[in-house]
Every structure is written in structure tokens, then in C-alpha cells.
PDB file of N, CA and C in Angstrom:
ATOM      1  N   MET A   1      64.987 102.110  74.271  1.00  0.00           N
ATOM      2  CA  MET A   1      65.828 100.921  74.165  1.00  0.00           C
ATOM      3  C   MET A   1      64.976  99.658  74.219  1.00  0.00           C
ATOM      4  N   THR A   2      65.357  98.698  73.480  1.00  0.00           N
ATOM      5  CA  THR A   2      64.615  97.443  73.491  1.00  0.00           C
ATOM      6  C   THR A   2      65.005  96.627  74.715  1.00  0.00           C
ATOM      7  N   THR A   3      64.155  95.683  75.037  1.00  0.00           N
ATOM      8  CA  THR A   3      64.428  94.806  76.176  1.00  0.00           C
ATOM      9  C   THR A   3      65.721  94.029  75.943  1.00  0.00           C
ATOM     10  N   GLN A   4      65.950  93.638  74.702  1.00  0.00           N
ATOM     11  CA  GLN A   4      67.161  92.887  74.384  1.00  0.00           C
ATOM     12  C   GLN A   4      68.405  93.736  74.660  1.00  0.00           C
ATOM     13  N   LYS A   5      68.345  95.026  74.332  1.00  0.00           N
ATOM     14  CA  LYS A   5      69.491  95.900  74.588  1.00  0.00           C
ATOM     15  C   LYS A   5      69.702  96.088  76.091  1.00  0.00           C
ATOM     16  N   GLN A   6      68.630  96.061  76.887  1.00  0.00           N
ATOM     17  CA  GLN A   6      68.743  96.240  78.327  1.00  0.00           C
ATOM     18  C   GLN A   6      69.349  94.997  78.982  1.00  0.00           C
ATOM     19  N   ALA A   7      69.243  93.851  78.340  1.00  0.00           N
ATOM     20  CA  ALA A   7      69.826  92.629  78.892  1.00  0.00           C
ATOM     21  C   ALA A   7      71.333  92.814  79.013  1.00  0.00           C
ATOM     22  N   GLY A   8      71.881  92.422  80.157  1.00  0.00           N
ATOM     23  CA  GLY A   8      73.317  92.566  80.375  1.00  0.00           C
ATOM     24  C   GLY A   8      73.709  93.958  80.840  1.00  0.00           C
ATOM     25  N   ARG A   9      72.712  94.825  81.019  1.00  0.00           N
ATOM     26  CA  ARG A   9      72.981  96.175  81.491  1.00  0.00           C
ATOM     27  C   ARG A   9      72.635  96.260  82.977  1.00  0.00           C
ATOM     28  N   ALA A  10      73.287  97.200  83.653  1.00  0.00           N
ATOM     29  CA  ALA A  10      73.049  97.360  85.084  1.00  0.00           C
ATOM     30  C   ALA A  10      73.276  98.817  85.466  1.00  0.00           C
ATOM     31  N   ARG A  11      73.007  99.097  86.733  1.00  0.00           N
ATOM     32  CA  ARG A  11      73.221 100.430  87.310  1.00  0.00           C
ATOM     33  C   ARG A  11      74.132 100.231  88.514  1.00  0.00           C
ATOM     34  N   LEU A  12      75.117 101.097  88.638  1.00  0.00           N
ATOM     35  CA  LEU A  12      76.069 101.012  89.738  1.00  0.00           C
ATOM     36  C   LEU A  12      76.097 102.343  90.474  1.00  0.00           C
ATOM     37  N   HIS A  13      75.922 102.278  91.789  1.00  0.00           N
ATOM     38  CA  HIS A  13      75.997 103.466  92.642  1.00  0.00           C
ATOM     39  C   HIS A  13      77.243 103.314  93.512  1.00  0.00           C
ATOM     40  N   LEU A  14      78.156 104.271  93.398  1.00  0.00           N
ATOM     41  CA  LEU A  14      79.409 104.234  94.149  1.00  0.00           C
ATOM     42  C   LEU A  14      79.516 105.442  95.066  1.00  0.00           C
ATOM     43  N   ILE A  15      80.014 105.225  96.270  1.00  0.00           N
ATOM     44  CA  ILE A  15      80.413 106.304  97.179  1.00  0.00           C
ATOM     45  C   ILE A  15      81.894 106.065  97.465  1.00  0.00           C
ATOM     46  N   ILE A  16      82.730 107.026  97.082  1.00  0.00           N
ATOM     47  CA  ILE A  16      84.176 106.880  97.223  1.00  0.00           C
ATOM     48  C   ILE A  16      84.659 107.809  98.327  1.00  0.00           C
ATOM     49  N   SER A  17      85.365 107.233  99.295  1.00  0.00           N
ATOM     50  CA  SER A  17      85.876 107.991 100.447  1.00  0.00           C
ATOM     51  C   SER A  17      87.390 108.097 100.387  1.00  0.00           C
ATOM     52  N   GLY A  18      87.913 109.075 101.111  1.00  0.00           N
ATOM     53  CA  GLY A  18      89.352 109.299 101.179  1.00  0.00           C
ATOM     54  C   GLY A  18      89.658 110.715 100.723  1.00  0.00           C
ATOM     55  N   ARG A  19      90.876 110.927 100.228  1.00  0.00           N
ATOM     56  CA  ARG A  19      91.222 112.238  99.661  1.00  0.00           C
ATOM     57  C   ARG A  19      90.785 112.199  98.202  1.00  0.00           C
ATOM     58  N   VAL A  20      89.505 112.539  97.979  1.00  0.00           N
ATOM     59  CA  VAL A  20      88.918 112.397  96.644  1.00  0.00           C
ATOM     60  C   VAL A  20      88.318 113.701  96.121  1.00  0.00           C
ATOM     61  N   GLN A  21      88.346 114.757  96.913  1.00  0.00           N
ATOM     62  CA  GLN A  21      87.883 116.057  96.439  1.00  0.00           C
ATOM     63  C   GLN A  21      89.087 116.976  96.288  1.00  0.00           C
ATOM     64  N   GLY A  22      89.056 117.809  95.248  1.00  0.00           N
ATOM     65  CA  GLY A  22      90.161 118.729  94.996  1.00  0.00           C
ATOM     66  C   GLY A  22      91.369 118.078  94.352  1.00  0.00           C
ATOM     67  N   VAL A  23      91.192 116.863  93.829  1.00  0.00           N
ATOM     68  CA  VAL A  23      92.304 116.130  93.202  1.00  0.00           C
ATOM     69  C   VAL A  23      91.965 115.701  91.768  1.00  0.00           C
ATOM     70  N   GLY A  24      90.894 116.267  91.215  1.00  0.00           N
ATOM     71  CA  GLY A  24      90.492 115.931  89.848  1.00  0.00           C
ATOM     72  C   GLY A  24      89.727 114.635  89.715  1.00  0.00           C
ATOM     73  N   PHE A  25      89.179 114.135  90.823  1.00  0.00           N
ATOM     74  CA  PHE A  25      88.493 112.841  90.796  1.00  0.00           C
ATOM     75  C   PHE A  25      87.287 112.861  89.866  1.00  0.00           C
ATOM     76  N   ARG A  26      86.454 113.897  89.978  1.00  0.00           N
ATOM     77  CA  ARG A  26      85.248 113.948  89.138  1.00  0.00           C
ATOM     78  C   ARG A  26      85.598 113.994  87.660  1.00  0.00           C
ATOM     79  N   PHE A  27      86.605 114.788  87.304  1.00  0.00           N
ATOM     80  CA  PHE A  27      86.982 114.919  85.892  1.00  0.00           C
ATOM     81  C   PHE A  27      87.576 113.613  85.365  1.00  0.00           C
ATOM     82  N   SER A  28      88.366 112.945  86.190  1.00  0.00           N
ATOM     83  CA  SER A  28      88.932 111.650  85.796  1.00  0.00           C
ATOM     84  C   SER A  28      87.842 110.596  85.682  1.00  0.00           C
ATOM     85  N   ALA A  29      86.874 110.631  86.611  1.00  0.00           N
ATOM     86  CA  ALA A  29      85.757 109.680  86.561  1.00  0.00           C
ATOM     87  C   ALA A  29      84.934 109.908  85.297  1.00  0.00           C
ATOM     88  N   TYR A  30      84.747 111.172  84.944  1.00  0.00           N
ATOM     89  CA  TYR A  30      84.026 111.527  83.721  1.00  0.00           C
ATOM     90  C   TYR A  30      84.723 110.928  82.499  1.00  0.00           C
ATOM     91  N   ASP A  31      86.034 111.128  82.407  1.00  0.00           N
ATOM     92  CA  ASP A  31      86.802 110.583  81.281  1.00  0.00           C
ATOM     93  C   ASP A  31      86.709 109.060  81.238  1.00  0.00           C
ATOM     94  N   GLU A  32      86.842 108.439  82.408  1.00  0.00           N
ATOM     95  CA  GLU A  32      86.786 106.972  82.491  1.00  0.00           C
ATOM     96  C   GLU A  32      85.414 106.465  82.033  1.00  0.00           C
ATOM     97  N   ALA A  33      84.354 107.093  82.536  1.00  0.00           N
ATOM     98  CA  ALA A  33      82.990 106.676  82.189  1.00  0.00           C
ATOM     99  C   ALA A  33      82.731 106.857  80.695  1.00  0.00           C
ATOM    100  N   LYS A  34      83.199 107.969  80.131  1.00  0.00           N
ATOM    101  CA  LYS A  34      83.017 108.207  78.694  1.00  0.00           C
ATOM    102  C   LYS A  34      83.766 107.142  77.890  1.00  0.00           C
ATOM    103  N   ASP A  35      84.991 106.826  78.297  1.00  0.00           N
ATOM    104  CA  ASP A  35      85.780 105.799  77.608  1.00  0.00           C
ATOM    105  C   ASP A  35      85.094 104.430  77.663  1.00  0.00           C
ATOM    106  N   LEU A  36      84.346 104.191  78.737  1.00  0.00           N
ATOM    107  CA  LEU A  36      83.671 102.907  78.925  1.00  0.00           C
ATOM    108  C   LEU A  36      82.232 102.916  78.386  1.00  0.00           C
ATOM    109  N   ALA A  37      81.850 104.000  77.712  1.00  0.00           N
ATOM    110  CA  ALA A  37      80.504 104.130  77.131  1.00  0.00           C
ATOM    111  C   ALA A  37      79.407 104.001  78.178  1.00  0.00           C
ATOM    112  N   LEU A  38      79.630 104.609  79.346  1.00  0.00           N
ATOM    113  CA  LEU A  38      78.642 104.586  80.419  1.00  0.00           C
ATOM    114  C   LEU A  38      77.873 105.901  80.440  1.00  0.00           C
ATOM    115  N   ALA A  39      76.675 105.862  80.989  1.00  0.00           N
ATOM    116  CA  ALA A  39      75.856 107.056  81.161  1.00  0.00           C
ATOM    117  C   ALA A  39      75.574 107.231  82.645  1.00  0.00           C
ATOM    118  N   GLY A  40      75.351 108.482  83.063  1.00  0.00           N
ATOM    119  CA  GLY A  40      75.065 108.752  84.462  1.00  0.00           C
ATOM    120  C   GLY A  40      75.697 110.050  84.896  1.00  0.00           C
ATOM    121  N   TRP A  41      76.196 110.098  86.134  1.00  0.00           N
ATOM    122  CA  TRP A  41      76.797 111.325  86.647  1.00  0.00           C
ATOM    123  C   TRP A  41      77.766 111.063  87.794  1.00  0.00           C
ATOM    124  N   VAL A  42      78.561 112.088  88.088  1.00  0.00           N
ATOM    125  CA  VAL A  42      79.491 112.072  89.212  1.00  0.00           C
ATOM    126  C   VAL A  42      79.380 113.419  89.909  1.00  0.00           C
ATOM    127  N   ARG A  43      79.465 113.426  91.245  1.00  0.00           N
ATOM    128  CA  ARG A  43      79.407 114.686  91.988  1.00  0.00           C
ATOM    129  C   ARG A  43      80.157 114.559  93.303  1.00  0.00           C
ATOM    130  N   ASN A  44      80.554 115.721  93.840  1.00  0.00           N
ATOM    131  CA  ASN A  44      81.099 115.776  95.195  1.00  0.00           C
ATOM    132  C   ASN A  44      79.930 115.770  96.177  1.00  0.00           C
ATOM    133  N   ILE A  45      80.138 115.141  97.330  1.00  0.00           N
ATOM    134  CA  ILE A  45      79.158 115.131  98.409  1.00  0.00           C
ATOM    135  C   ILE A  45      79.721 116.037  99.513  1.00  0.00           C
ATOM    136  N   PRO A  46      78.863 116.832 100.170  1.00  0.00           N
ATOM    137  CA  PRO A  46      79.348 117.749 101.204  1.00  0.00           C
ATOM    138  C   PRO A  46      80.254 117.108 102.264  1.00  0.00           C
ATOM    139  N   GLY A  47      80.098 115.824 102.562  1.00  0.00           N
ATOM    140  CA  GLY A  47      80.917 115.165 103.584  1.00  0.00           C
ATOM    141  C   GLY A  47      82.347 114.871 103.145  1.00  0.00           C
ATOM    142  N   GLY A  48      82.696 115.231 101.896  1.00  0.00           N
ATOM    143  CA  GLY A  48      84.054 115.009 101.419  1.00  0.00           C
ATOM    144  C   GLY A  48      84.221 113.784 100.542  1.00  0.00           C
ATOM    145  N   GLU A  49      83.115 113.126 100.229  1.00  0.00           N
ATOM    146  CA  GLU A  49      83.162 111.940  99.376  1.00  0.00           C
ATOM    147  C   GLU A  49      82.748 112.299  97.950  1.00  0.00           C
ATOM    148  N   VAL A  50      82.944 111.349  97.040  1.00  0.00           N
ATOM    149  CA  VAL A  50      82.488 111.492  95.655  1.00  0.00           C
ATOM    150  C   VAL A  50      81.446 110.409  95.411  1.00  0.00           C
ATOM    151  N   GLU A  51      80.370 110.784  94.723  1.00  0.00           N
ATOM    152  CA  GLU A  51      79.288 109.856  94.403  1.00  0.00           C
ATOM    153  C   GLU A  51      79.205 109.695  92.893  1.00  0.00           C
ATOM    154  N   ILE A  52      79.081 108.453  92.452  1.00  0.00           N
ATOM    155  CA  ILE A  52      78.932 108.145  91.033  1.00  0.00           C
ATOM    156  C   ILE A  52      77.703 107.253  90.860  1.00  0.00           C
ATOM    157  N   VAL A  53      76.871 107.599  89.902  1.00  0.00           N
ATOM    158  CA  VAL A  53      75.778 106.732  89.465  1.00  0.00           C
ATOM    159  C   VAL A  53      75.994 106.514  87.974  1.00  0.00           C
ATOM    160  N   ALA A  54      76.138 105.265  87.579  1.00  0.00           N
ATOM    161  CA  ALA A  54      76.413 104.966  86.175  1.00  0.00           C
ATOM    162  C   ALA A  54      75.603 103.764  85.721  1.00  0.00           C
ATOM    163  N   GLU A  55      75.241 103.782  84.439  1.00  0.00           N
ATOM    164  CA  GLU A  55      74.547 102.663  83.823  1.00  0.00           C
ATOM    165  C   GLU A  55      75.279 102.265  82.551  1.00  0.00           C
ATOM    166  N   GLY A  56      75.250 100.983  82.260  1.00  0.00           N
ATOM    167  CA  GLY A  56      75.874 100.455  81.063  1.00  0.00           C
ATOM    168  C   GLY A  56      76.037  98.963  81.185  1.00  0.00           C
ATOM    169  N   SER A  57      76.959  98.416  80.411  1.00  0.00           N
ATOM    170  CA  SER A  57      77.192  96.973  80.479  1.00  0.00           C
ATOM    171  C   SER A  57      77.822  96.638  81.828  1.00  0.00           C
ATOM    172  N   LYS A  58      77.469  95.460  82.340  1.00  0.00           N
ATOM    173  CA  LYS A  58      78.009  95.039  83.641  1.00  0.00           C
ATOM    174  C   LYS A  58      79.534  95.002  83.607  1.00  0.00           C
ATOM    175  N   GLU A  59      80.083  94.535  82.500  1.00  0.00           N
ATOM    176  CA  GLU A  59      81.539  94.441  82.364  1.00  0.00           C
ATOM    177  C   GLU A  59      82.191  95.825  82.480  1.00  0.00           C
ATOM    178  N   ASN A  60      81.640  96.820  81.798  1.00  0.00           N
ATOM    179  CA  ASN A  60      82.208  98.161  81.842  1.00  0.00           C
ATOM    180  C   ASN A  60      81.997  98.813  83.209  1.00  0.00           C
ATOM    181  N   LEU A  61      80.872  98.522  83.844  1.00  0.00           N
ATOM    182  CA  LEU A  61      80.643  99.036  85.196  1.00  0.00           C
ATOM    183  C   LEU A  61      81.646  98.438  86.184  1.00  0.00           C
ATOM    184  N   GLN A  62      81.965  97.161  86.000  1.00  0.00           N
ATOM    185  CA  GLN A  62      82.979  96.535  86.854  1.00  0.00           C
ATOM    186  C   GLN A  62      84.334  97.200  86.661  1.00  0.00           C
ATOM    187  N   MET A  63      84.648  97.592  85.429  1.00  0.00           N
ATOM    188  CA  MET A  63      85.915  98.292  85.169  1.00  0.00           C
ATOM    189  C   MET A  63      85.906  99.677  85.821  1.00  0.00           C
ATOM    190  N   LEU A  64      84.755 100.361  85.797  1.00  0.00           N
ATOM    191  CA  LEU A  64      84.648 101.652  86.473  1.00  0.00           C
ATOM    192  C   LEU A  64      84.835 101.487  87.981  1.00  0.00           C
ATOM    193  N   ALA A  65      84.233 100.452  88.551  1.00  0.00           N
ATOM    194  CA  ALA A  65      84.370 100.196  89.987  1.00  0.00           C
ATOM    195  C   ALA A  65      85.832  99.916  90.340  1.00  0.00           C
ATOM    196  N   ALA A  66      86.507  99.137  89.519  1.00  0.00           N
ATOM    197  CA  ALA A  66      87.926  98.841  89.759  1.00  0.00           C
ATOM    198  C   ALA A  66      88.745 100.129  89.689  1.00  0.00           C
ATOM    199  N   TRP A  67      88.441 100.987  88.714  1.00  0.00           N
ATOM    200  CA  TRP A  67      89.135 102.269  88.592  1.00  0.00           C
ATOM    201  C   TRP A  67      88.887 103.126  89.831  1.00  0.00           C
ATOM    202  N   ALA A  68      87.662 103.139  90.343  1.00  0.00           N
ATOM    203  CA  ALA A  68      87.299 103.975  91.492  1.00  0.00           C
ATOM    204  C   ALA A  68      88.108 103.623  92.737  1.00  0.00           C
ATOM    205  N   HIS A  69      88.569 102.388  92.840  1.00  0.00           N
ATOM    206  CA  HIS A  69      89.389 101.986  93.993  1.00  0.00           C
ATOM    207  C   HIS A  69      90.763 102.653  93.956  1.00  0.00           C
ATOM    208  N   LEU A  70      91.166 103.122  92.789  1.00  0.00           N
ATOM    209  CA  LEU A  70      92.457 103.806  92.633  1.00  0.00           C
ATOM    210  C   LEU A  70      92.281 105.308  92.449  1.00  0.00           C
ATOM    211  N   GLY A  71      91.382 105.684  91.527  1.00  0.00           N
ATOM    212  CA  GLY A  71      91.162 107.087  91.218  1.00  0.00           C
ATOM    213  C   GLY A  71      92.347 107.681  90.489  1.00  0.00           C
ATOM    214  N   PRO A  72      92.337 109.016  90.320  1.00  0.00           N
ATOM    215  CA  PRO A  72      93.455 109.687  89.656  1.00  0.00           C
ATOM    216  C   PRO A  72      94.694 109.684  90.552  1.00  0.00           C
ATOM    217  N   PRO A  73      95.869 109.987  89.989  1.00  0.00           N
ATOM    218  CA  PRO A  73      97.123 109.901  90.751  1.00  0.00           C
ATOM    219  C   PRO A  73      97.141 110.674  92.082  1.00  0.00           C
ATOM    220  N   ALA A  74      96.512 111.847  92.142  1.00  0.00           N
ATOM    221  CA  ALA A  74      96.567 112.659  93.375  1.00  0.00           C
ATOM    222  C   ALA A  74      95.585 112.196  94.449  1.00  0.00           C
ATOM    223  N   ALA A  75      94.698 111.297  94.096  1.00  0.00           N
ATOM    224  CA  ALA A  75      93.698 110.818  95.063  1.00  0.00           C
ATOM    225  C   ALA A  75      94.282 109.755  95.982  1.00  0.00           C
ATOM    226  N   HIS A  76      93.650 109.621  97.155  1.00  0.00           N
ATOM    227  CA  HIS A  76      93.972 108.519  98.071  1.00  0.00           C
ATOM    228  C   HIS A  76      92.644 107.925  98.525  1.00  0.00           C
ATOM    229  N   VAL A  77      92.238 106.848  97.855  1.00  0.00           N
ATOM    230  CA  VAL A  77      90.948 106.216  98.128  1.00  0.00           C
ATOM    231  C   VAL A  77      91.091 105.283  99.321  1.00  0.00           C
ATOM    232  N   THR A  78      90.207 105.463 100.320  1.00  0.00           N
ATOM    233  CA  THR A  78      90.229 104.607 101.503  1.00  0.00           C
ATOM    234  C   THR A  78      89.070 103.617 101.529  1.00  0.00           C
ATOM    235  N   GLU A  79      87.979 103.942 100.815  1.00  0.00           N
ATOM    236  CA  GLU A  79      86.820 103.046 100.803  1.00  0.00           C
ATOM    237  C   GLU A  79      85.970 103.320  99.575  1.00  0.00           C
ATOM    238  N   VAL A  80      85.419 102.245  98.997  1.00  0.00           N
ATOM    239  CA  VAL A  80      84.453 102.374  97.906  1.00  0.00           C
ATOM    240  C   VAL A  80      83.253 101.510  98.269  1.00  0.00           C
ATOM    241  N   ARG A  81      82.107 102.147  98.397  1.00  0.00           N
ATOM    242  CA  ARG A  81      80.863 101.417  98.654  1.00  0.00           C
ATOM    243  C   ARG A  81      80.156 101.228  97.320  1.00  0.00           C
ATOM    244  N   GLU A  82      79.838  99.980  97.001  1.00  0.00           N
ATOM    245  CA  GLU A  82      79.192  99.644  95.728  1.00  0.00           C
ATOM    246  C   GLU A  82      77.783  99.142  95.975  1.00  0.00           C
ATOM    247  N   ASP A  83      76.843  99.643  95.194  1.00  0.00           N
ATOM    248  CA  ASP A  83      75.467  99.167  95.247  1.00  0.00           C
ATOM    249  C   ASP A  83      75.030  98.882  93.808  1.00  0.00           C
ATOM    250  N   TRP A  84      74.776  97.618  93.509  1.00  0.00           N
ATOM    251  CA  TRP A  84      74.386  97.213  92.159  1.00  0.00           C
ATOM    252  C   TRP A  84      72.874  97.177  92.067  1.00  0.00           C
ATOM    253  N   LEU A  85      72.342  97.812  91.019  1.00  0.00           N
ATOM    254  CA  LEU A  85      70.900  97.928  90.838  1.00  0.00           C
ATOM    255  C   LEU A  85      70.536  97.576  89.398  1.00  0.00           C
ATOM    256  N   ASP A  86      69.230  97.529  89.122  1.00  0.00           N
ATOM    257  CA  ASP A  86      68.763  97.314  87.753  1.00  0.00           C
ATOM    258  C   ASP A  86      68.885  98.608  86.963  1.00  0.00           C
ATOM    259  N   SER A  87      69.241  98.495  85.724  1.00  0.00           N
ATOM    260  CA  SER A  87      69.344  99.649  84.831  1.00  0.00           C
ATOM    261  C   SER A  87      67.958 100.254  84.618  1.00  0.00           C
ATOM    262  N   THR A  88      67.882 101.585  84.631  1.00  0.00           N
ATOM    263  CA  THR A  88      66.607 102.267  84.386  1.00  0.00           C
ATOM    264  C   THR A  88      66.548 102.868  82.987  1.00  0.00           C
ATOM    265  N   GLY A  89      67.713 103.069  82.362  1.00  0.00           N
ATOM    266  CA  GLY A  89      67.750 103.687  81.049  1.00  0.00           C
ATOM    267  C   GLY A  89      67.466 105.178  81.065  1.00  0.00           C
ATOM    268  N   GLU A  90      67.511 105.801  82.249  1.00  0.00           N
ATOM    269  CA  GLU A  90      67.145 107.224  82.356  1.00  0.00           C
ATOM    270  C   GLU A  90      68.223 108.179  81.846  1.00  0.00           C
ATOM    271  N   PHE A  91      69.462 107.722  81.711  1.00  0.00           N
ATOM    272  CA  PHE A  91      70.553 108.615  81.305  1.00  0.00           C
ATOM    273  C   PHE A  91      70.893 108.445  79.830  1.00  0.00           C
ATOM    274  N   THR A  92      71.221 109.564  79.178  1.00  0.00           N
ATOM    275  CA  THR A  92      71.625 109.507  77.778  1.00  0.00           C
ATOM    276  C   THR A  92      73.109 109.791  77.619  1.00  0.00           C
ATOM    277  N   GLU A  93      73.747 110.333  78.670  1.00  0.00           N
ATOM    278  CA  GLU A  93      75.175 110.662  78.626  1.00  0.00           C
ATOM    279  C   GLU A  93      75.716 110.671  80.051  1.00  0.00           C
ATOM    280  N   PHE A  94      77.025 110.901  80.162  1.00  0.00           N
ATOM    281  CA  PHE A  94      77.638 110.994  81.486  1.00  0.00           C
ATOM    282  C   PHE A  94      77.975 112.452  81.768  1.00  0.00           C
ATOM    283  N   ARG A  95      77.650 112.922  82.960  1.00  0.00           N
ATOM    284  CA  ARG A  95      77.837 114.332  83.315  1.00  0.00           C
ATOM    285  C   ARG A  95      78.523 114.498  84.660  1.00  0.00           C
ATOM    286  N   ILE A  96      79.135 115.664  84.826  1.00  0.00           N
ATOM    287  CA  ILE A  96      79.663 116.078  86.124  1.00  0.00           C
ATOM    288  C   ILE A  96      78.629 117.010  86.722  1.00  0.00           C
ATOM    289  N   ARG A  97      78.218 116.727  87.956  1.00  0.00           N
ATOM    290  CA  ARG A  97      77.219 117.578  88.620  1.00  0.00           C
ATOM    291  C   ARG A  97      77.905 118.518  89.581  1.00  0.00           C
TER     292      ARG A  97
END
């Protein structure tokens, strides 16, 4: 990717707490990220949380973060921790881990 393409891009690390495992959160996050043209991954964490690392346009990452506060219908999100970082360009697609 060129430097110009990297401009306006960012990396977002999310930890989502609440009833977020066993409710289709990862699959919904995958669909949301794909719709927003983001790259990265989503996974369950042993402590019962869901972790998302995504890269793309800041605007689309903000939409993903807003979605994460709600999640899919069966989820009950109690907390979302957001960490904004510089884009690394290491991902070519979005995956469920």
C-alpha cells in the first residue's frame, strides 16, 4: 500500500464485555467488518470477553466501535474498551479466530 492510501487509516483494538459469547457475536462482528471493508480478526477470550482487532478507514472503524456497543440481538454488552493505534497494513482480510 502506498503512504497516501495509509493516510486516514487506523487500527482499532476492542475488548467487549458482557454476555458476548455463545450469542453469535463473532459471526455478527465478522459480517459487520466485511460490510465496512475492514481487515483484521475477532476471537473469544477465555475470560468470557470478545476481542476485535481491525484496520481500515477511521470512519468505518468508528462505525464498528459503535456497533460493538450493541452487538447482535442476543448479546448484552456491558463494556467496550477501545484502543486506537496506527495502521500496520498487516491484514488482507477479516477473519474469525
